[in-house]
Every structure is written in structure tokens, then in C-alpha cells.
Amino acid sequence: MSEFLQELNAFSLKITQAIELNDWEKLSDILKQRQARLEELLNAPLSEEEQLTIQSVLESIQAMDDLFIHSVQSKKIELLKEFQHVVQGQKGIKAYCTTISLN
């Protein structure tokens, strides 16, 4: 069980790094791997004590996922702002070029 907990911790670290690096493809791959691993575990025969531990771990994962979602949403807002600045700059350049070509 401790090996599984270490594996989940490693997934959390990888998820955090992917978000920080804006590596959305890697994030998607990591989440798929984690989901597959969780499904393996949930389909395995577990003792009652292990089931309680897994329940607690799943609740922790949900809490971490909420934080990850918040981070991704913040990144999305940052990227949208950057995109809007680029669009504004392109409009300014286009207007400038139009003005110059009219003269």
C-alpha cells in the first residue's frame, strides 16, 4: 500500500510540474496514467482496512485535483490576457500600416 501512496505522490508532483510548464499534452498523459492506475487498484481485491485507506486517499486526490483545476484556470486566464495583448498589438500594427500606405 505504501508503494501505491508513493506512486500517487509522484503523479501529483508530475501534474504540478506539467501545469507550471504549461505542458498540457504531458498533463493529459499523466492524468490518463493515474486514472489507469487508480482503476487497477479499485478493481483489485482489498481488505476492509485497505478500502478505508483507499477511500481516504481518493478524498485527498479530489482535494488536490481541486487545487490543480484552480491552477489550470489561472493559467488559462493568463494565456487569454496574453492573447488579447497580441491581438491588440496586431490591430495597432495593421492600423499603422494602413495609415502609412494611405500617405
N, C-alpha and C. Protein backbone atom coordinates (compact mmCIF):
# COMPACT_ATOMS: atom_id res chain seq x y z
N MET A 1 0.82 -1.20 0.00
CA MET A 1 0.00 0.00 0.00
C MET A 1 0.86 1.26 0.00
N SER A 2 1.98 1.21 0.73
CA SER A 2 2.84 2.40 0.77
C SER A 2 3.45 2.68 -0.60
N GLU A 3 3.69 1.61 -1.39
CA GLU A 3 4.20 1.80 -2.75
C GLU A 3 3.18 2.56 -3.59
N PHE A 4 1.92 2.21 -3.42
CA PHE A 4 0.84 2.88 -4.14
C PHE A 4 0.77 4.36 -3.75
N LEU A 5 0.90 4.64 -2.47
CA LEU A 5 0.85 6.03 -1.99
C LEU A 5 2.03 6.83 -2.55
N GLN A 6 3.20 6.21 -2.62
CA GLN A 6 4.36 6.88 -3.20
C GLN A 6 4.13 7.14 -4.69
N GLU A 7 3.51 6.18 -5.36
CA GLU A 7 3.21 6.34 -6.78
C GLU A 7 2.24 7.50 -7.00
N LEU A 8 1.22 7.60 -6.17
CA LEU A 8 0.27 8.70 -6.29
C LEU A 8 0.93 10.04 -6.00
N ASN A 9 1.83 10.06 -5.03
CA ASN A 9 2.57 11.28 -4.73
C ASN A 9 3.41 11.69 -5.94
N ALA A 10 4.02 10.72 -6.59
CA ALA A 10 4.82 11.01 -7.79
C ALA A 10 3.92 11.57 -8.90
N PHE A 11 2.72 11.02 -9.05
CA PHE A 11 1.79 11.56 -10.04
C PHE A 11 1.45 13.01 -9.72
N SER A 12 1.22 13.31 -8.45
CA SER A 12 0.89 14.69 -8.05
C SER A 12 2.02 15.64 -8.39
N LEU A 13 3.25 15.22 -8.14
CA LEU A 13 4.40 16.07 -8.47
C LEU A 13 4.51 16.28 -9.98
N LYS A 14 4.30 15.23 -10.75
CA LYS A 14 4.36 15.35 -12.21
C LYS A 14 3.25 16.27 -12.72
N ILE A 15 2.07 16.16 -12.14
CA ILE A 15 0.95 17.02 -12.54
C ILE A 15 1.29 18.48 -12.26
N THR A 16 1.82 18.73 -11.08
CA THR A 16 2.20 20.10 -10.70
C THR A 16 3.24 20.66 -11.67
N GLN A 17 4.24 19.86 -12.00
CA GLN A 17 5.29 20.31 -12.92
C GLN A 17 4.71 20.59 -14.31
N ALA A 18 3.85 19.72 -14.79
CA ALA A 18 3.26 19.91 -16.12
C ALA A 18 2.45 21.21 -16.17
N ILE A 19 1.71 21.48 -15.10
CA ILE A 19 0.92 22.72 -15.04
C ILE A 19 1.84 23.94 -15.03
N GLU A 20 2.89 23.88 -14.21
CA GLU A 20 3.82 25.00 -14.12
C GLU A 20 4.50 25.29 -15.46
N LEU A 21 4.75 24.22 -16.23
CA LEU A 21 5.43 24.36 -17.51
C LEU A 21 4.48 24.57 -18.68
N ASN A 22 3.18 24.64 -18.39
CA ASN A 22 2.16 24.77 -19.44
C ASN A 22 2.26 23.63 -20.46
N ASP A 23 2.63 22.45 -19.99
CA ASP A 23 2.77 21.28 -20.86
C ASP A 23 1.47 20.47 -20.79
N TRP A 24 0.50 20.91 -21.58
CA TRP A 24 -0.85 20.36 -21.48
C TRP A 24 -0.93 18.93 -22.02
N GLU A 25 -0.13 18.61 -23.01
CA GLU A 25 -0.12 17.23 -23.53
C GLU A 25 0.43 16.28 -22.48
N LYS A 26 1.52 16.70 -21.85
CA LYS A 26 2.10 15.86 -20.79
C LYS A 26 1.12 15.71 -19.64
N LEU A 27 0.43 16.79 -19.29
CA LEU A 27 -0.56 16.74 -18.22
C LEU A 27 -1.64 15.72 -18.56
N SER A 28 -2.11 15.74 -19.78
CA SER A 28 -3.14 14.80 -20.21
C SER A 28 -2.64 13.36 -20.09
N ASP A 29 -1.40 13.12 -20.52
CA ASP A 29 -0.83 11.77 -20.42
C ASP A 29 -0.71 11.31 -18.97
N ILE A 30 -0.25 12.20 -18.12
CA ILE A 30 -0.09 11.86 -16.69
C ILE A 30 -1.44 11.52 -16.08
N LEU A 31 -2.45 12.33 -16.38
CA LEU A 31 -3.79 12.09 -15.83
C LEU A 31 -4.35 10.75 -16.31
N LYS A 32 -4.10 10.40 -17.57
CA LYS A 32 -4.55 9.11 -18.09
C LYS A 32 -3.84 7.96 -17.37
N GLN A 33 -2.54 8.11 -17.15
CA GLN A 33 -1.77 7.08 -16.44
C GLN A 33 -2.28 6.92 -15.01
N ARG A 34 -2.52 8.05 -14.36
CA ARG A 34 -3.00 7.99 -12.98
C ARG A 34 -4.37 7.32 -12.92
N GLN A 35 -5.25 7.68 -13.88
CA GLN A 35 -6.59 7.10 -13.91
C GLN A 35 -6.51 5.58 -14.10
N ALA A 36 -5.66 5.14 -15.00
CA ALA A 36 -5.49 3.70 -15.23
C ALA A 36 -5.00 3.00 -13.97
N ARG A 37 -4.05 3.62 -13.29
CA ARG A 37 -3.51 3.04 -12.05
C ARG A 37 -4.58 2.99 -10.96
N LEU A 38 -5.37 4.03 -10.83
CA LEU A 38 -6.45 4.05 -9.83
C LEU A 38 -7.48 2.96 -10.14
N GLU A 39 -7.82 2.79 -11.42
CA GLU A 39 -8.79 1.77 -11.79
C GLU A 39 -8.26 0.37 -11.49
N GLU A 40 -6.96 0.15 -11.71
CA GLU A 40 -6.35 -1.13 -11.36
C GLU A 40 -6.51 -1.39 -9.87
N LEU A 41 -6.22 -0.39 -9.10
CA LEU A 41 -6.29 -0.54 -7.65
C LEU A 41 -7.72 -0.80 -7.19
N LEU A 42 -8.65 -0.04 -7.74
CA LEU A 42 -10.05 -0.19 -7.31
C LEU A 42 -10.66 -1.53 -7.72
N ASN A 43 -10.10 -2.14 -8.76
CA ASN A 43 -10.59 -3.44 -9.21
C ASN A 43 -9.88 -4.61 -8.52
N ALA A 44 -8.85 -4.30 -7.74
CA ALA A 44 -8.11 -5.34 -7.02
C ALA A 44 -8.86 -5.72 -5.74
N PRO A 45 -8.72 -6.97 -5.33
CA PRO A 45 -9.35 -7.37 -4.06
C PRO A 45 -8.63 -6.68 -2.89
N LEU A 46 -9.39 -5.99 -2.07
CA LEU A 46 -8.82 -5.24 -0.96
C LEU A 46 -9.48 -5.64 0.35
N SER A 47 -8.68 -5.61 1.40
CA SER A 47 -9.23 -5.84 2.73
C SER A 47 -10.06 -4.63 3.14
N GLU A 48 -10.82 -4.79 4.19
CA GLU A 48 -11.65 -3.67 4.66
C GLU A 48 -10.78 -2.49 5.07
N GLU A 49 -9.66 -2.77 5.70
CA GLU A 49 -8.73 -1.71 6.13
C GLU A 49 -8.15 -0.99 4.91
N GLU A 50 -7.78 -1.76 3.89
CA GLU A 50 -7.25 -1.16 2.67
C GLU A 50 -8.30 -0.32 1.98
N GLN A 51 -9.54 -0.76 2.00
CA GLN A 51 -10.63 0.01 1.39
C GLN A 51 -10.79 1.36 2.08
N LEU A 52 -10.68 1.36 3.41
CA LEU A 52 -10.78 2.62 4.15
C LEU A 52 -9.60 3.55 3.81
N THR A 53 -8.43 2.96 3.69
CA THR A 53 -7.25 3.75 3.32
C THR A 53 -7.44 4.34 1.93
N ILE A 54 -7.92 3.52 1.00
CA ILE A 54 -8.14 3.97 -0.38
C ILE A 54 -9.18 5.09 -0.40
N GLN A 55 -10.23 4.96 0.40
CA GLN A 55 -11.26 5.99 0.47
C GLN A 55 -10.64 7.32 0.90
N SER A 56 -9.78 7.26 1.89
CA SER A 56 -9.10 8.47 2.38
C SER A 56 -8.18 9.04 1.30
N VAL A 57 -7.47 8.17 0.62
CA VAL A 57 -6.56 8.60 -0.44
C VAL A 57 -7.35 9.26 -1.57
N LEU A 58 -8.47 8.67 -1.94
CA LEU A 58 -9.29 9.23 -3.02
C LEU A 58 -9.82 10.62 -2.65
N GLU A 59 -10.18 10.81 -1.39
CA GLU A 59 -10.63 12.12 -0.95
C GLU A 59 -9.48 13.14 -1.04
N SER A 60 -8.28 12.70 -0.71
CA SER A 60 -7.10 13.58 -0.83
C SER A 60 -6.84 13.93 -2.29
N ILE A 61 -7.00 12.94 -3.17
CA ILE A 61 -6.80 13.17 -4.60
C ILE A 61 -7.82 14.19 -5.10
N GLN A 62 -9.05 14.07 -4.66
CA GLN A 62 -10.07 15.03 -5.07
C GLN A 62 -9.71 16.44 -4.61
N ALA A 63 -9.21 16.57 -3.39
CA ALA A 63 -8.80 17.89 -2.89
C ALA A 63 -7.64 18.43 -3.71
N MET A 64 -6.66 17.58 -4.02
CA MET A 64 -5.53 18.02 -4.85
C MET A 64 -6.00 18.40 -6.25
N ASP A 65 -6.92 17.62 -6.79
CA ASP A 65 -7.44 17.93 -8.13
C ASP A 65 -8.14 19.28 -8.15
N ASP A 66 -8.82 19.61 -7.08
CA ASP A 66 -9.45 20.94 -7.00
C ASP A 66 -8.39 22.04 -7.09
N LEU A 67 -7.25 21.83 -6.42
CA LEU A 67 -6.16 22.80 -6.48
C LEU A 67 -5.56 22.85 -7.89
N PHE A 68 -5.42 21.67 -8.50
CA PHE A 68 -4.89 21.61 -9.87
C PHE A 68 -5.81 22.34 -10.84
N ILE A 69 -7.11 22.13 -10.68
CA ILE A 69 -8.09 22.79 -11.55
C ILE A 69 -7.98 24.30 -11.40
N HIS A 70 -7.85 24.76 -10.17
CA HIS A 70 -7.70 26.20 -9.92
C HIS A 70 -6.44 26.73 -10.61
N SER A 71 -5.34 25.98 -10.51
CA SER A 71 -4.09 26.41 -11.15
C SER A 71 -4.24 26.47 -12.67
N VAL A 72 -4.90 25.47 -13.25
CA VAL A 72 -5.09 25.45 -14.69
C VAL A 72 -5.97 26.61 -15.13
N GLN A 73 -7.01 26.89 -14.36
CA GLN A 73 -7.89 28.02 -14.69
C GLN A 73 -7.12 29.34 -14.62
N SER A 74 -6.25 29.48 -13.64
CA SER A 74 -5.43 30.69 -13.54
C SER A 74 -4.51 30.81 -14.74
N LYS A 75 -3.90 29.69 -15.14
CA LYS A 75 -3.04 29.69 -16.33
C LYS A 75 -3.84 30.07 -17.58
N LYS A 76 -5.06 29.56 -17.66
CA LYS A 76 -5.91 29.86 -18.81
C LYS A 76 -6.19 31.35 -18.89
N ILE A 77 -6.50 31.96 -17.75
CA ILE A 77 -6.76 33.40 -17.71
C ILE A 77 -5.52 34.18 -18.14
N GLU A 78 -4.33 33.77 -17.65
CA GLU A 78 -3.08 34.42 -18.04
C GLU A 78 -2.89 34.33 -19.55
N LEU A 79 -3.10 33.14 -20.11
CA LEU A 79 -2.91 32.94 -21.55
C LEU A 79 -3.90 33.77 -22.36
N LEU A 80 -5.14 33.87 -21.90
CA LEU A 80 -6.13 34.68 -22.60
C LEU A 80 -5.74 36.15 -22.59
N LYS A 81 -5.21 36.62 -21.46
CA LYS A 81 -4.76 38.02 -21.39
C LYS A 81 -3.59 38.26 -22.35
N GLU A 82 -2.66 37.32 -22.38
CA GLU A 82 -1.53 37.45 -23.31
C GLU A 82 -2.02 37.46 -24.75
N PHE A 83 -2.96 36.59 -25.06
CA PHE A 83 -3.51 36.53 -26.41
C PHE A 83 -4.19 37.85 -26.78
N GLN A 84 -4.94 38.42 -25.83
CA GLN A 84 -5.61 39.70 -26.09
C GLN A 84 -4.59 40.80 -26.36
N HIS A 85 -3.46 40.79 -25.64
CA HIS A 85 -2.41 41.79 -25.89
C HIS A 85 -1.83 41.61 -27.29
N VAL A 86 -1.63 40.37 -27.69
CA VAL A 86 -1.10 40.12 -29.04
C VAL A 86 -2.09 40.62 -30.09
N VAL A 87 -3.37 40.32 -29.90
CA VAL A 87 -4.40 40.77 -30.85
C VAL A 87 -4.42 42.29 -30.90
N GLN A 88 -4.36 42.95 -29.76
CA GLN A 88 -4.35 44.41 -29.71
C GLN A 88 -3.14 44.95 -30.47
N GLY A 89 -1.98 44.32 -30.25
CA GLY A 89 -0.77 44.76 -30.94
C GLY A 89 -0.89 44.58 -32.45
N GLN A 90 -1.49 43.46 -32.86
CA GLN A 90 -1.66 43.23 -34.30
C GLN A 90 -2.60 44.26 -34.91
N LYS A 91 -3.64 44.61 -34.18
CA LYS A 91 -4.56 45.63 -34.68
C LYS A 91 -3.84 46.97 -34.82
N GLY A 92 -3.02 47.29 -33.83
CA GLY A 92 -2.26 48.54 -33.89
C GLY A 92 -1.31 48.57 -35.07
N ILE A 93 -0.62 47.48 -35.29
CA ILE A 93 0.31 47.38 -36.43
C ILE A 93 -0.45 47.50 -37.74
N LYS A 94 -1.58 46.83 -37.83
CA LYS A 94 -2.38 46.89 -39.06
C LYS A 94 -2.86 48.32 -39.32
N ALA A 95 -3.33 48.99 -38.27
CA ALA A 95 -3.80 50.37 -38.42
C ALA A 95 -2.64 51.28 -38.84
N TYR A 96 -1.48 51.06 -38.25
CA TYR A 96 -0.29 51.87 -38.60
C TYR A 96 0.08 51.64 -40.05
N CYS A 97 0.12 50.38 -40.47
CA CYS A 97 0.49 50.06 -41.85
C CYS A 97 -0.54 50.64 -42.83
N THR A 98 -1.80 50.61 -42.48
CA THR A 98 -2.85 51.17 -43.32
C THR A 98 -2.66 52.67 -43.46
N THR A 99 -2.34 53.34 -42.35
CA THR A 99 -2.13 54.78 -42.34
C THR A 99 -0.94 55.16 -43.20
N ILE A 100 0.15 54.40 -43.09
CA ILE A 100 1.36 54.69 -43.87
C ILE A 100 1.09 54.48 -45.36
N SER A 101 0.36 53.42 -45.70
CA SER A 101 0.13 53.14 -47.12
C SER A 101 -0.81 54.17 -47.75
N LEU A 102 -1.63 54.84 -46.93
CA LEU A 102 -2.51 55.89 -47.45
C LEU A 102 -1.75 57.18 -47.75
N ASN A 103 -0.63 57.36 -47.11
CA ASN A 103 0.16 58.59 -47.30
C ASN A 103 1.01 58.47 -48.48
